[in-house]
Amino acid sequence: MTFEQKLEKLFGHWIDHNNSHKDTFFTWAGRAKEAGLDEVAEKIEKAGKLSEEVTVLIQDALKKIQDIG
């Protein structure tokens, strides 16, 4: 397996893993909001949004690797 192929596999795993965390963040942000913890909910929601940004960066890196191959 080439280095690029290893990266492709890692990127796929990281994207799935990160999306799972993102979904969990948004779920718990909603629960925190329902519990009246608005400021906590905002922080958790921000973590979810940052996770979305991380996913986009990893997807971009994956596309670059795929364009090389």
PDB file of N, CA and C in Angstrom:
ATOM      1  N   MET A   1       0.850  -1.177   0.000  1.00  0.00           N
ATOM      2  CA  MET A   1       0.000   0.000   0.000  1.00  0.00           C
ATOM      3  C   MET A   1       0.898   1.244   0.000  1.00  0.00           C
ATOM      4  N   THR A   2       0.597   2.170  -0.887  1.00  0.00           N
ATOM      5  CA  THR A   2       1.391   3.397  -0.972  1.00  0.00           C
ATOM      6  C   THR A   2       1.029   4.333   0.184  1.00  0.00           C
ATOM      7  N   PHE A   3       1.880   5.307   0.392  1.00  0.00           N
ATOM      8  CA  PHE A   3       1.620   6.311   1.420  1.00  0.00           C
ATOM      9  C   PHE A   3       0.305   7.045   1.137  1.00  0.00           C
ATOM     10  N   GLU A   4       0.080   7.364  -0.131  1.00  0.00           N
ATOM     11  CA  GLU A   4      -1.146   8.063  -0.514  1.00  0.00           C
ATOM     12  C   GLU A   4      -2.382   7.213  -0.218  1.00  0.00           C
ATOM     13  N   GLN A   5      -2.300   5.911  -0.471  1.00  0.00           N
ATOM     14  CA  GLN A   5      -3.420   5.017  -0.178  1.00  0.00           C
ATOM     15  C   GLN A   5      -3.686   4.948   1.325  1.00  0.00           C
ATOM     16  N   LYS A   6      -2.614   4.948   2.103  1.00  0.00           N
ATOM     17  CA  LYS A   6      -2.778   4.960   3.559  1.00  0.00           C
ATOM     18  C   LYS A   6      -3.487   6.231   4.006  1.00  0.00           C
ATOM     19  N   LEU A   7      -3.072   7.362   3.425  1.00  0.00           N
ATOM     20  CA  LEU A   7      -3.724   8.626   3.767  1.00  0.00           C
ATOM     21  C   LEU A   7      -5.204   8.603   3.400  1.00  0.00           C
ATOM     22  N   GLU A   8      -5.523   8.060   2.225  1.00  0.00           N
ATOM     23  CA  GLU A   8      -6.929   7.973   1.820  1.00  0.00           C
ATOM     24  C   GLU A   8      -7.746   7.202   2.849  1.00  0.00           C
ATOM     25  N   LYS A   9      -7.219   6.084   3.306  1.00  0.00           N
ATOM     26  CA  LYS A   9      -7.922   5.279   4.308  1.00  0.00           C
ATOM     27  C   LYS A   9      -8.065   6.045   5.619  1.00  0.00           C
ATOM     28  N   LEU A  10      -6.977   6.677   6.037  1.00  0.00           N
ATOM     29  CA  LEU A  10      -7.031   7.464   7.271  1.00  0.00           C
ATOM     30  C   LEU A  10      -8.036   8.603   7.161  1.00  0.00           C
ATOM     31  N   PHE A  11      -7.994   9.321   6.036  1.00  0.00           N
ATOM     32  CA  PHE A  11      -8.909  10.442   5.857  1.00  0.00           C
ATOM     33  C   PHE A  11     -10.359   9.980   5.916  1.00  0.00           C
ATOM     34  N   GLY A  12     -10.658   8.862   5.267  1.00  0.00           N
ATOM     35  CA  GLY A  12     -12.018   8.330   5.311  1.00  0.00           C
ATOM     36  C   GLY A  12     -12.451   8.023   6.732  1.00  0.00           C
ATOM     37  N   HIS A  13     -11.560   7.403   7.484  1.00  0.00           N
ATOM     38  CA  HIS A  13     -11.859   7.084   8.886  1.00  0.00           C
ATOM     39  C   HIS A  13     -12.051   8.363   9.695  1.00  0.00           C
ATOM     40  N   TRP A  14     -11.149   9.322   9.515  1.00  0.00           N
ATOM     41  CA  TRP A  14     -11.233  10.565  10.276  1.00  0.00           C
ATOM     42  C   TRP A  14     -12.515  11.331   9.965  1.00  0.00           C
ATOM     43  N   ILE A  15     -12.926  11.336   8.715  1.00  0.00           N
ATOM     44  CA  ILE A  15     -14.163  12.022   8.330  1.00  0.00           C
ATOM     45  C   ILE A  15     -15.353  11.377   9.029  1.00  0.00           C
ATOM     46  N   ASP A  16     -15.444  10.061   8.959  1.00  0.00           N
ATOM     47  CA  ASP A  16     -16.552   9.357   9.623  1.00  0.00           C
ATOM     48  C   ASP A  16     -16.531   9.598  11.129  1.00  0.00           C
ATOM     49  N   HIS A  17     -15.362   9.471  11.711  1.00  0.00           N
ATOM     50  CA  HIS A  17     -15.210   9.628  13.157  1.00  0.00           C
ATOM     51  C   HIS A  17     -15.572  11.050  13.585  1.00  0.00           C
ATOM     52  N   ASN A  18     -15.082  12.019  12.853  1.00  0.00           N
ATOM     53  CA  ASN A  18     -15.351  13.414  13.177  1.00  0.00           C
ATOM     54  C   ASN A  18     -16.835  13.743  13.029  1.00  0.00           C
ATOM     55  N   ASN A  19     -17.468  13.217  11.980  1.00  0.00           N
ATOM     56  CA  ASN A  19     -18.901  13.451  11.799  1.00  0.00           C
ATOM     57  C   ASN A  19     -19.711  12.861  12.942  1.00  0.00           C
ATOM     58  N   SER A  20     -19.277  11.726  13.444  1.00  0.00           N
ATOM     59  CA  SER A  20     -19.949  11.116  14.586  1.00  0.00           C
ATOM     60  C   SER A  20     -19.874  12.039  15.805  1.00  0.00           C
ATOM     61  N   HIS A  21     -18.698  12.583  16.048  1.00  0.00           N
ATOM     62  CA  HIS A  21     -18.542  13.520  17.164  1.00  0.00           C
ATOM     63  C   HIS A  21     -19.385  14.771  16.945  1.00  0.00           C
ATOM     64  N   LYS A  22     -19.381  15.276  15.734  1.00  0.00           N
ATOM     65  CA  LYS A  22     -20.157  16.479  15.417  1.00  0.00           C
ATOM     66  C   LYS A  22     -21.623  16.265  15.739  1.00  0.00           C
ATOM     67  N   ASP A  23     -22.156  15.135  15.306  1.00  0.00           N
ATOM     68  CA  ASP A  23     -23.562  14.833  15.567  1.00  0.00           C
ATOM     69  C   ASP A  23     -23.834  14.756  17.063  1.00  0.00           C
ATOM     70  N   THR A  24     -22.907  14.155  17.798  1.00  0.00           N
ATOM     71  CA  THR A  24     -23.056  14.051  19.249  1.00  0.00           C
ATOM     72  C   THR A  24     -23.025  15.431  19.896  1.00  0.00           C
ATOM     73  N   PHE A  25     -22.142  16.296  19.424  1.00  0.00           N
ATOM     74  CA  PHE A  25     -22.083  17.655  19.964  1.00  0.00           C
ATOM     75  C   PHE A  25     -23.421  18.369  19.784  1.00  0.00           C
ATOM     76  N   PHE A  26     -23.988  18.287  18.592  1.00  0.00           N
ATOM     77  CA  PHE A  26     -25.251  18.978  18.347  1.00  0.00           C
ATOM     78  C   PHE A  26     -26.389  18.384  19.175  1.00  0.00           C
ATOM     79  N   THR A  27     -26.388  17.074  19.343  1.00  0.00           N
ATOM     80  CA  THR A  27     -27.404  16.432  20.184  1.00  0.00           C
ATOM     81  C   THR A  27     -27.315  16.948  21.618  1.00  0.00           C
ATOM     82  N   TRP A  28     -26.113  16.958  22.156  1.00  0.00           N
ATOM     83  CA  TRP A  28     -25.940  17.386  23.538  1.00  0.00           C
ATOM     84  C   TRP A  28     -26.109  18.891  23.701  1.00  0.00           C
ATOM     85  N   ALA A  29     -25.819  19.653  22.682  1.00  0.00           N
ATOM     86  CA  ALA A  29     -26.089  21.096  22.741  1.00  0.00           C
ATOM     87  C   ALA A  29     -27.589  21.323  22.893  1.00  0.00           C
ATOM     88  N   GLY A  30     -28.373  20.568  22.137  1.00  0.00           N
ATOM     89  CA  GLY A  30     -29.824  20.670  22.255  1.00  0.00           C
ATOM     90  C   GLY A  30     -30.311  20.278  23.634  1.00  0.00           C
ATOM     91  N   ARG A  31     -29.748  19.225  24.172  1.00  0.00           N
ATOM     92  CA  ARG A  31     -30.135  18.775  25.515  1.00  0.00           C
ATOM     93  C   ARG A  31     -29.748  19.805  26.573  1.00  0.00           C
ATOM     94  N   ALA A  32     -28.573  20.399  26.415  1.00  0.00           N
ATOM     95  CA  ALA A  32     -28.139  21.424  27.365  1.00  0.00           C
ATOM     96  C   ALA A  32     -29.072  22.629  27.300  1.00  0.00           C
ATOM     97  N   LYS A  33     -29.475  22.977  26.093  1.00  0.00           N
ATOM     98  CA  LYS A  33     -30.397  24.109  25.925  1.00  0.00           C
ATOM     99  C   LYS A  33     -31.740  23.808  26.591  1.00  0.00           C
ATOM    100  N   GLU A  34     -32.241  22.584  26.391  1.00  0.00           N
ATOM    101  CA  GLU A  34     -33.500  22.177  27.023  1.00  0.00           C
ATOM    102  C   GLU A  34     -33.404  22.228  28.546  1.00  0.00           C
ATOM    103  N   ALA A  35     -32.207  21.990  29.072  1.00  0.00           N
ATOM    104  CA  ALA A  35     -31.989  22.008  30.519  1.00  0.00           C
ATOM    105  C   ALA A  35     -31.754  23.428  31.041  1.00  0.00           C
ATOM    106  N   GLY A  36     -31.841  24.410  30.150  1.00  0.00           N
ATOM    107  CA  GLY A  36     -31.656  25.795  30.560  1.00  0.00           C
ATOM    108  C   GLY A  36     -30.201  26.226  30.650  1.00  0.00           C
ATOM    109  N   LEU A  37     -29.320  25.440  30.101  1.00  0.00           N
ATOM    110  CA  LEU A  37     -27.885  25.746  30.130  1.00  0.00           C
ATOM    111  C   LEU A  37     -27.466  26.371  28.801  1.00  0.00           C
ATOM    112  N   ASP A  38     -28.024  27.531  28.528  1.00  0.00           N
ATOM    113  CA  ASP A  38     -27.829  28.174  27.228  1.00  0.00           C
ATOM    114  C   ASP A  38     -26.364  28.453  26.898  1.00  0.00           C
ATOM    115  N   GLU A  39     -25.606  28.945  27.871  1.00  0.00           N
ATOM    116  CA  GLU A  39     -24.200  29.261  27.597  1.00  0.00           C
ATOM    117  C   GLU A  39     -23.396  27.988  27.340  1.00  0.00           C
ATOM    118  N   VAL A  40     -23.712  26.941  28.067  1.00  0.00           N
ATOM    119  CA  VAL A  40     -23.052  25.650  27.841  1.00  0.00           C
ATOM    120  C   VAL A  40     -23.427  25.130  26.459  1.00  0.00           C
ATOM    121  N   ALA A  41     -24.703  25.232  26.117  1.00  0.00           N
ATOM    122  CA  ALA A  41     -25.183  24.776  24.813  1.00  0.00           C
ATOM    123  C   ALA A  41     -24.458  25.502  23.685  1.00  0.00           C
ATOM    124  N   GLU A  42     -24.252  26.801  23.851  1.00  0.00           N
ATOM    125  CA  GLU A  42     -23.544  27.576  22.826  1.00  0.00           C
ATOM    126  C   GLU A  42     -22.124  27.058  22.612  1.00  0.00           C
ATOM    127  N   LYS A  43     -21.445  26.728  23.704  1.00  0.00           N
ATOM    128  CA  LYS A  43     -20.068  26.219  23.596  1.00  0.00           C
ATOM    129  C   LYS A  43     -20.039  24.861  22.902  1.00  0.00           C
ATOM    130  N   ILE A  44     -20.982  23.991  23.268  1.00  0.00           N
ATOM    131  CA  ILE A  44     -21.032  22.665  22.651  1.00  0.00           C
ATOM    132  C   ILE A  44     -21.377  22.795  21.170  1.00  0.00           C
ATOM    133  N   GLU A  45     -22.313  23.686  20.859  1.00  0.00           N
ATOM    134  CA  GLU A  45     -22.682  23.909  19.460  1.00  0.00           C
ATOM    135  C   GLU A  45     -21.491  24.451  18.665  1.00  0.00           C
ATOM    136  N   LYS A  46     -20.718  25.334  19.283  1.00  0.00           N
ATOM    137  CA  LYS A  46     -19.525  25.854  18.608  1.00  0.00           C
ATOM    138  C   LYS A  46     -18.543  24.722  18.318  1.00  0.00           C
ATOM    139  N   ALA A  47     -18.406  23.790  19.259  1.00  0.00           N
ATOM    140  CA  ALA A  47     -17.538  22.625  19.030  1.00  0.00           C
ATOM    141  C   ALA A  47     -18.045  21.822  17.834  1.00  0.00           C
ATOM    142  N   GLY A  48     -19.366  21.687  17.707  1.00  0.00           N
ATOM    143  CA  GLY A  48     -19.939  20.990  16.557  1.00  0.00           C
ATOM    144  C   GLY A  48     -19.630  21.699  15.254  1.00  0.00           C
ATOM    145  N   LYS A  49     -19.733  23.012  15.270  1.00  0.00           N
ATOM    146  CA  LYS A  49     -19.440  23.782  14.061  1.00  0.00           C
ATOM    147  C   LYS A  49     -17.958  23.700  13.688  1.00  0.00           C
ATOM    148  N   LEU A  50     -17.105  23.721  14.694  1.00  0.00           N
ATOM    149  CA  LEU A  50     -15.671  23.562  14.423  1.00  0.00           C
ATOM    150  C   LEU A  50     -15.380  22.174  13.861  1.00  0.00           C
ATOM    151  N   SER A  51     -16.100  21.179  14.347  1.00  0.00           N
ATOM    152  CA  SER A  51     -15.943  19.819  13.812  1.00  0.00           C
ATOM    153  C   SER A  51     -16.326  19.779  12.339  1.00  0.00           C
ATOM    154  N   GLU A  52     -17.375  20.528  11.973  1.00  0.00           N
ATOM    155  CA  GLU A  52     -17.757  20.607  10.559  1.00  0.00           C
ATOM    156  C   GLU A  52     -16.616  21.194   9.732  1.00  0.00           C
ATOM    157  N   GLU A  53     -15.973  22.221  10.269  1.00  0.00           N
ATOM    158  CA  GLU A  53     -14.853  22.842   9.555  1.00  0.00           C
ATOM    159  C   GLU A  53     -13.690  21.864   9.401  1.00  0.00           C
ATOM    160  N   VAL A  54     -13.423  21.098  10.443  1.00  0.00           N
ATOM    161  CA  VAL A  54     -12.355  20.096  10.379  1.00  0.00           C
ATOM    162  C   VAL A  54     -12.667  19.073   9.296  1.00  0.00           C
ATOM    163  N   THR A  55     -13.914  18.626   9.239  1.00  0.00           N
ATOM    164  CA  THR A  55     -14.315  17.652   8.224  1.00  0.00           C
ATOM    165  C   THR A  55     -14.073  18.203   6.823  1.00  0.00           C
ATOM    166  N   VAL A  56     -14.424  19.449   6.598  1.00  0.00           N
ATOM    167  CA  VAL A  56     -14.215  20.068   5.284  1.00  0.00           C
ATOM    168  C   VAL A  56     -12.724  20.075   4.933  1.00  0.00           C
ATOM    169  N   LEU A  57     -11.885  20.402   5.892  1.00  0.00           N
ATOM    170  CA  LEU A  57     -10.437  20.410   5.632  1.00  0.00           C
ATOM    171  C   LEU A  57      -9.925  19.019   5.275  1.00  0.00           C
ATOM    172  N   ILE A  58     -10.394  18.017   5.998  1.00  0.00           N
ATOM    173  CA  ILE A  58      -9.960  16.645   5.710  1.00  0.00           C
ATOM    174  C   ILE A  58     -10.490  16.203   4.346  1.00  0.00           C
ATOM    175  N   GLN A  59     -11.726  16.567   4.025  1.00  0.00           N
ATOM    176  CA  GLN A  59     -12.283  16.231   2.708  1.00  0.00           C
ATOM    177  C   GLN A  59     -11.469  16.891   1.600  1.00  0.00           C
ATOM    178  N   ASP A  60     -11.060  18.131   1.820  1.00  0.00           N
ATOM    179  CA  ASP A  60     -10.228  18.827   0.832  1.00  0.00           C
ATOM    180  C   ASP A  60      -8.890  18.119   0.649  1.00  0.00           C
ATOM    181  N   ALA A  61      -8.298  17.687   1.753  1.00  0.00           N
ATOM    182  CA  ALA A  61      -7.031  16.958   1.675  1.00  0.00           C
ATOM    183  C   ALA A  61      -7.226  15.637   0.934  1.00  0.00           C
ATOM    184  N   LEU A  62      -8.337  14.963   1.186  1.00  0.00           N
ATOM    185  CA  LEU A  62      -8.640  13.708   0.497  1.00  0.00           C
ATOM    186  C   LEU A  62      -8.757  13.934  -1.006  1.00  0.00           C
ATOM    187  N   LYS A  63      -9.439  14.999  -1.406  1.00  0.00           N
ATOM    188  CA  LYS A  63      -9.576  15.306  -2.829  1.00  0.00           C
ATOM    189  C   LYS A  63      -8.214  15.566  -3.473  1.00  0.00           C
ATOM    190  N   LYS A  64      -7.335  16.263  -2.747  1.00  0.00           N
ATOM    191  CA  LYS A  64      -5.987  16.531  -3.277  1.00  0.00           C
ATOM    192  C   LYS A  64      -5.238  15.223  -3.516  1.00  0.00           C
ATOM    193  N   ILE A  65      -5.327  14.309  -2.562  1.00  0.00           N
ATOM    194  CA  ILE A  65      -4.663  13.006  -2.700  1.00  0.00           C
ATOM    195  C   ILE A  65      -5.247  12.248  -3.886  1.00  0.00           C
ATOM    196  N   GLN A  66      -6.569  12.272  -4.021  1.00  0.00           N
ATOM    197  CA  GLN A  66      -7.223  11.555  -5.121  1.00  0.00           C
ATOM    198  C   GLN A  66      -6.865  12.167  -6.468  1.00  0.00           C
ATOM    199  N   ASP A  67      -6.692  13.480  -6.509  1.00  0.00           N
ATOM    200  CA  ASP A  67      -6.297  14.148  -7.755  1.00  0.00           C
ATOM    201  C   ASP A  67      -4.881  13.760  -8.173  1.00  0.00           C
ATOM    202  N   ILE A  68      -4.024  13.501  -7.191  1.00  0.00           N
ATOM    203  CA  ILE A  68      -2.643  13.091  -7.478  1.00  0.00           C
ATOM    204  C   ILE A  68      -2.628  11.714  -8.125  1.00  0.00           C
ATOM    205  N   GLY A  69      -3.453  10.806  -7.553  1.00  0.00           N
ATOM    206  CA  GLY A  69      -3.469   9.419  -8.032  1.00  0.00           C
ATOM    207  C   GLY A  69      -4.211   9.304  -9.295  1.00  0.00           C
TER     208      GLY A  69
END
